[in-house]
C-alpha atoms as a PDB file:
ATOM      1  CA  MET A   1     -18.795  20.155  -3.099  1.00  0.00           C
ATOM      2  CA  GLU A   2     -15.195  19.318  -3.946  1.00  0.00           C
ATOM      3  CA  GLU A   3     -14.174  15.679  -3.585  1.00  0.00           C
ATOM      4  CA  PRO A   4     -11.730  15.151  -0.712  1.00  0.00           C
ATOM      5  CA  ARG A   5      -8.153  14.405  -1.665  1.00  0.00           C
ATOM      6  CA  VAL A   6      -5.937  12.073   0.293  1.00  0.00           C
ATOM      7  CA  ARG A   7      -2.637  10.349  -0.169  1.00  0.00           C
ATOM      8  CA  LEU A   8      -1.546   7.116   1.453  1.00  0.00           C
ATOM      9  CA  GLU A   9       1.830   6.964   3.172  1.00  0.00           C
ATOM     10  CA  PRO A  10       3.335   3.633   4.246  1.00  0.00           C
ATOM     11  CA  TRP A  11       3.027   2.951   7.973  1.00  0.00           C
ATOM     12  CA  SER A  12       6.179   3.715   9.951  1.00  0.00           C
ATOM     13  CA  GLY A  13       7.594   3.593  13.451  1.00  0.00           C
ATOM     14  CA  HIS A  14       6.483   7.210  13.899  1.00  0.00           C
ATOM     15  CA  ASP A  15       2.790   6.332  13.539  1.00  0.00           C
ATOM     16  CA  PHE A  16       2.153   4.723  16.937  1.00  0.00           C
ATOM     17  CA  TRP A  17       0.364   7.879  18.083  1.00  0.00           C
ATOM     18  CA  LEU A  18      -2.230   7.218  15.391  1.00  0.00           C
ATOM     19  CA  LEU A  19      -2.840   3.729  16.784  1.00  0.00           C
ATOM     20  CA  GLU A  20      -3.309   5.271  20.221  1.00  0.00           C
ATOM     21  CA  ARG A  21      -5.906   7.683  18.816  1.00  0.00           C
ATOM     22  CA  ALA A  22      -7.638   4.843  16.966  1.00  0.00           C
ATOM     23  CA  ASN A  23      -7.790   2.907  20.248  1.00  0.00           C
ATOM     24  CA  GLU A  24     -10.158   5.403  21.880  1.00  0.00           C
ATOM     25  CA  PRO A  25     -13.624   4.044  22.808  1.00  0.00           C
ATOM     26  CA  VAL A  26     -15.420   6.056  20.090  1.00  0.00           C
ATOM     27  CA  MET A  27     -13.138   4.479  17.462  1.00  0.00           C
ATOM     28  CA  THR A  28     -13.340   0.905  18.790  1.00  0.00           C
ATOM     29  CA  GLU A  29     -17.078   0.734  19.466  1.00  0.00           C
ATOM     30  CA  HIS A  30     -17.607  -1.675  16.537  1.00  0.00           C
ATOM     31  CA  LEU A  31     -14.330  -3.540  17.078  1.00  0.00           C
ATOM     32  CA  GLY A  32     -14.732  -5.000  20.538  1.00  0.00           C
ATOM     33  CA  GLY A  33     -13.466  -1.990  22.502  1.00  0.00           C
ATOM     34  CA  PRO A  34     -10.003  -0.570  23.226  1.00  0.00           C
ATOM     35  CA  GLU A  35      -6.984  -2.876  23.258  1.00  0.00           C
ATOM     36  CA  SER A  36      -4.412  -3.082  26.040  1.00  0.00           C
ATOM     37  CA  ASP A  37      -1.143  -1.189  25.621  1.00  0.00           C
ATOM     38  CA  GLU A  38       0.604  -4.531  25.077  1.00  0.00           C
ATOM     39  CA  LYS A  39      -1.772  -5.463  22.228  1.00  0.00           C
ATOM     40  CA  LEU A  40      -1.433  -2.004  20.724  1.00  0.00           C
ATOM     41  CA  ARG A  41       2.377  -2.280  20.673  1.00  0.00           C
ATOM     42  CA  ALA A  42       2.071  -5.723  19.064  1.00  0.00           C
ATOM     43  CA  ARG A  43      -0.262  -4.204  16.452  1.00  0.00           C
ATOM     44  CA  GLN A  44       2.329  -1.486  15.744  1.00  0.00           C
ATOM     45  CA  ARG A  45       4.976  -4.168  15.170  1.00  0.00           C
ATOM     46  CA  ARG A  46       2.615  -6.069  12.824  1.00  0.00           C
ATOM     47  CA  TYR A  47       1.816  -2.900  10.868  1.00  0.00           C
ATOM     48  CA  GLU A  48       5.504  -2.049  10.483  1.00  0.00           C
ATOM     49  CA  ALA A  49       6.325  -5.623   9.427  1.00  0.00           C
ATOM     50  CA  LEU A  50       3.442  -5.678   6.937  1.00  0.00           C
ATOM     51  CA  SER A  51       4.627  -2.433   5.372  1.00  0.00           C
ATOM     52  CA  ALA A  52       8.182  -3.778   5.085  1.00  0.00           C
ATOM     53  CA  ARG A  53       7.079  -6.822   3.059  1.00  0.00           C
ATOM     54  CA  GLU A  54       6.557  -7.216  -0.647  1.00  0.00           C
ATOM     55  CA  PRO A  55       3.690  -4.887  -1.728  1.00  0.00           C
ATOM     56  CA  ALA A  56       1.535  -7.794  -2.953  1.00  0.00           C
ATOM     57  CA  ALA A  57       1.438  -9.301   0.571  1.00  0.00           C
ATOM     58  CA  GLY A  58      -0.427  -6.314   1.961  1.00  0.00           C
ATOM     59  CA  ARG A  59       0.337  -2.933   3.387  1.00  0.00           C
ATOM     60  CA  MET A  60      -0.747  -0.503   6.086  1.00  0.00           C
ATOM     61  CA  PHE A  61      -0.940   3.204   5.369  1.00  0.00           C
ATOM     62  CA  ARG A  62      -1.472   6.474   7.140  1.00  0.00           C
ATOM     63  CA  VAL A  63      -4.254   8.495   5.478  1.00  0.00           C
ATOM     64  CA  VAL A  64      -3.006  12.023   4.813  1.00  0.00           C
ATOM     65  CA  LEU A  65      -5.375  14.867   3.946  1.00  0.00           C
ATOM     66  CA  GLU A  66      -4.375  16.969   0.941  1.00  0.00           C
ATOM     67  CA  PRO A  67      -3.239  19.697   0.765  1.00  0.00           C
ATOM     68  CA  SER A  68      -2.865  20.267   4.542  1.00  0.00           C
ATOM     69  CA  GLY A  69      -0.763  17.163   5.231  1.00  0.00           C
ATOM     70  CA  GLU A  70      -2.797  16.316   8.348  1.00  0.00           C
ATOM     71  CA  SER A  71      -2.950  12.644   9.340  1.00  0.00           C
ATOM     72  CA  ALA A  72      -6.626  11.664   9.243  1.00  0.00           C
ATOM     73  CA  GLY A  73      -6.508   7.932   9.962  1.00  0.00           C
ATOM     74  CA  SER A  74      -5.241   4.601   8.714  1.00  0.00           C
ATOM     75  CA  ILE A  75      -6.111   2.044   6.066  1.00  0.00           C
ATOM     76  CA  GLY A  76      -4.617  -1.206   4.921  1.00  0.00           C
ATOM     77  CA  PHE A  77      -5.007  -4.585   3.309  1.00  0.00           C
ATOM     78  CA  TRP A  78      -3.609  -8.014   4.078  1.00  0.00           C
ATOM     79  CA  GLU A  79      -3.752 -11.556   2.774  1.00  0.00           C
ATOM     80  CA  ARG A  80      -6.302 -14.034   4.093  1.00  0.00           C
ATOM     81  CA  GLN A  81      -8.185 -17.146   3.079  1.00  0.00           C
ATOM     82  CA  TRP A  82     -11.922 -16.604   2.851  1.00  0.00           C
ATOM     83  CA  ARG A  83     -14.195 -19.480   1.926  1.00  0.00           C
ATOM     84  CA  ASP A  84     -11.230 -21.429   0.534  1.00  0.00           C
ATOM     85  CA  GLU A  85     -10.113 -18.549  -1.703  1.00  0.00           C
ATOM     86  CA  PRO A  86      -6.982 -16.405  -1.393  1.00  0.00           C
ATOM     87  CA  VAL A  87      -8.261 -12.826  -1.041  1.00  0.00           C
ATOM     88  CA  TYR A  88      -7.274  -9.557   0.573  1.00  0.00           C
ATOM     89  CA  GLU A  89      -9.089  -8.084   3.528  1.00  0.00           C
ATOM     90  CA  ALA A  90      -9.223  -4.312   3.947  1.00  0.00           C
ATOM     91  CA  GLY A  91      -9.747  -2.265   7.078  1.00  0.00           C
ATOM     92  CA  TRP A  92      -9.700   1.450   7.878  1.00  0.00           C
ATOM     93  CA  GLY A  93     -10.348   4.025  10.545  1.00  0.00           C
ATOM     94  CA  ILE A  94     -10.765   7.767  10.152  1.00  0.00           C
ATOM     95  CA  LEU A  95     -10.280   9.903  13.269  1.00  0.00           C
ATOM     96  CA  PRO A  96     -13.481  11.486  14.643  1.00  0.00           C
ATOM     97  CA  GLU A  97     -12.547  15.058  13.754  1.00  0.00           C
ATOM     98  CA  PHE A  98     -12.179  14.044  10.081  1.00  0.00           C
ATOM     99  CA  GLN A  99     -15.280  11.852   9.762  1.00  0.00           C
ATOM    100  CA  GLY A 100     -18.241  12.801   7.585  1.00  0.00           C
ATOM    101  CA  ARG A 101     -16.135  14.323   4.794  1.00  0.00           C
ATOM    102  CA  GLY A 102     -15.821  11.323   2.476  1.00  0.00           C
ATOM    103  CA  LEU A 103     -12.210  10.658   3.453  1.00  0.00           C
ATOM    104  CA  ALA A 104     -12.748   6.943   4.079  1.00  0.00           C
ATOM    105  CA  VAL A 105     -14.158   6.505   0.565  1.00  0.00           C
ATOM    106  CA  ALA A 106     -11.290   8.551  -0.914  1.00  0.00           C
ATOM    107  CA  ALA A 107      -8.716   6.504   1.033  1.00  0.00           C
ATOM    108  CA  LEU A 108     -10.357   3.205   0.085  1.00  0.00           C
ATOM    109  CA  THR A 109     -10.379   4.253  -3.574  1.00  0.00           C
ATOM    110  CA  GLU A 110      -6.634   4.989  -3.342  1.00  0.00           C
ATOM    111  CA  LEU A 111      -6.056   1.664  -1.587  1.00  0.00           C
ATOM    112  CA  LEU A 112      -7.929  -0.240  -4.300  1.00  0.00           C
ATOM    113  CA  ALA A 113      -5.796   1.480  -6.954  1.00  0.00           C
ATOM    114  CA  HIS A 114      -2.687   0.390  -5.031  1.00  0.00           C
ATOM    115  CA  VAL A 115      -3.980  -3.196  -4.831  1.00  0.00           C
ATOM    116  CA  GLY A 116      -4.749  -3.119  -8.553  1.00  0.00           C
ATOM    117  CA  ALA A 117      -1.180  -2.021  -9.321  1.00  0.00           C
ATOM    118  CA  HIS A 118       0.682  -4.219  -6.821  1.00  0.00           C
ATOM    119  CA  GLY A 119      -1.632  -6.993  -5.670  1.00  0.00           C
ATOM    120  CA  SER A 120      -1.756 -10.594  -6.748  1.00  0.00           C
ATOM    121  CA  ARG A 121      -5.263 -11.565  -5.593  1.00  0.00           C
ATOM    122  CA  ASP A 122      -8.528 -11.153  -7.483  1.00  0.00           C
ATOM    123  CA  SER A 123     -10.637  -9.547  -4.784  1.00  0.00           C
ATOM    124  CA  VAL A 124     -10.647  -7.399  -1.674  1.00  0.00           C
ATOM    125  CA  HIS A 125     -13.180  -8.085   1.088  1.00  0.00           C
ATOM    126  CA  ALA A 126     -14.314  -5.924   3.983  1.00  0.00           C
ATOM    127  CA  PHE A 127     -16.447  -7.146   6.881  1.00  0.00           C
ATOM    128  CA  PRO A 128     -18.065  -4.223   8.713  1.00  0.00           C
ATOM    129  CA  GLY A 129     -20.597  -5.121  11.368  1.00  0.00           C
ATOM    130  CA  THR A 130     -24.259  -4.977  10.455  1.00  0.00           C
ATOM    131  CA  ASP A 131     -24.496  -2.397  13.263  1.00  0.00           C
ATOM    132  CA  HIS A 132     -21.977  -0.070  11.567  1.00  0.00           C
ATOM    133  CA  PRO A 133     -23.869   1.837   8.845  1.00  0.00           C
ATOM    134  CA  ALA A 134     -21.025   4.294   8.145  1.00  0.00           C
ATOM    135  CA  SER A 135     -18.518   1.576   7.173  1.00  0.00           C
ATOM    136  CA  ASN A 136     -21.132  -0.261   5.130  1.00  0.00           C
ATOM    137  CA  THR A 137     -21.834   2.989   3.261  1.00  0.00           C
ATOM    138  CA  VAL A 138     -18.093   3.409   2.613  1.00  0.00           C
ATOM    139  CA  CYS A 139     -17.997  -0.044   1.012  1.00  0.00           C
ATOM    140  CA  ARG A 140     -21.014   0.687  -1.193  1.00  0.00           C
ATOM    141  CA  ARG A 141     -19.705   4.110  -2.271  1.00  0.00           C
ATOM    142  CA  ALA A 142     -16.269   2.653  -3.084  1.00  0.00           C
ATOM    143  CA  GLY A 143     -17.815   0.142  -5.481  1.00  0.00           C
ATOM    144  CA  PHE A 144     -17.895  -3.017  -3.384  1.00  0.00           C
ATOM    145  CA  GLU A 145     -20.644  -5.610  -3.900  1.00  0.00           C
ATOM    146  CA  CYS A 146     -22.510  -6.845  -0.817  1.00  0.00           C
ATOM    147  CA  LEU A 147     -22.484 -10.645  -0.714  1.00  0.00           C
ATOM    148  CA  GLY A 148     -24.706 -10.890   2.351  1.00  0.00           C
ATOM    149  CA  GLU A 149     -24.542 -11.334   6.098  1.00  0.00           C
ATOM    150  CA  VAL A 150     -21.897 -13.510   7.769  1.00  0.00           C
ATOM    151  CA  ASP A 151     -20.736 -14.196  11.300  1.00  0.00           C
ATOM    152  CA  PHE A 152     -17.230 -12.741  11.194  1.00  0.00           C
ATOM    153  CA  GLU A 153     -14.859 -13.213  14.124  1.00  0.00           C
ATOM    154  CA  TYR A 154     -13.462  -9.952  15.415  1.00  0.00           C
ATOM    155  CA  PRO A 155     -11.774  -9.788  17.717  1.00  0.00           C
ATOM    156  CA  PRO A 156     -10.658 -13.407  17.169  1.00  0.00           C
ATOM    157  CA  GLY A 157     -12.965 -15.807  18.939  1.00  0.00           C
ATOM    158  CA  VAL A 158     -15.872 -13.356  19.033  1.00  0.00           C
ATOM    159  CA  PRO A 159     -18.388 -13.889  16.197  1.00  0.00           C
ATOM    160  CA  HIS A 160     -20.053 -10.662  15.131  1.00  0.00           C
ATOM    161  CA  PRO A 161     -22.892 -10.246  12.602  1.00  0.00           C
ATOM    162  CA  SER A 162     -21.224  -8.556   9.644  1.00  0.00           C
ATOM    163  CA  LEU A 163     -21.712  -7.918   5.970  1.00  0.00           C
ATOM    164  CA  ASP A 164     -19.306  -9.469   3.461  1.00  0.00           C
ATOM    165  CA  TRP A 165     -18.401  -6.820   0.887  1.00  0.00           C
ATOM    166  CA  ARG A 166     -16.275  -7.765  -2.144  1.00  0.00           C
ATOM    167  CA  TYR A 167     -14.422  -5.623  -4.645  1.00  0.00           C
ATOM    168  CA  ARG A 168     -13.157  -7.383  -7.772  1.00  0.00           C
ATOM    169  CA  VAL A 169      -9.684  -6.067  -8.494  1.00  0.00           C
ATOM    170  CA  GLY A 170      -9.288  -7.440 -11.980  1.00  0.00           C
ATOM    171  CA  PRO A 171     -11.723  -8.406 -14.667  1.00  0.00           C
ATOM    172  CA  PRO A 172     -14.387 -10.861 -13.525  1.00  0.00           C
ATOM    173  CA  PRO A 173     -13.519 -14.521 -14.029  1.00  0.00           C
ATOM    174  CA  SER A 174     -14.261 -15.664 -17.557  1.00  0.00           C
ATOM    175  CA  VAL A 175     -17.421 -17.628 -18.021  1.00  0.00           C
ATOM    176  CA  THR A 176     -17.496 -20.296 -20.636  1.00  0.00           C
ATOM    177  CA  ALA A 177     -20.778 -21.007 -22.353  1.00  0.00           C
ATOM    178  CA  SER A 178     -21.698 -24.615 -22.676  1.00  0.00           C
ATOM    179  CA  GLY A 179     -23.420 -25.526 -25.822  1.00  0.00           C
END
């Protein structure tokens, strides 16, 4: 089977329809349910602002299927502090009609290449719920290391049992031998 090909296009003001599609109950089942229209519009503004900043600060993208040019979902990364370390967090969503084809792994691989070229932090984390096997499989297939279970707040204020997956962007930290 041929590996799926995707390209990532920076999020724009024309991509609100994709947020509306991603806000459907089937897409938000593991994210606390659909957001209000007001919250969705605020999210659109945040995505546009993130994509207008310096590339190292993070970026949101539309996932585009090659060669058809169809929009299949979204993916992005942003700065955060995690356990007193500056890291990136990644998140993604592939529309239902495109799921099961390996597109999330292909998009995450492209995103990690982008972070490697433009990022300034050593690692990317993802926090899919323990009840979301598909997203946990995406992390594993994209080369992330599972660091174990954590209570991750999403939406804010709502702790959710999740797995902490880490991808080292650069070489691992050097280890000095003591003699």
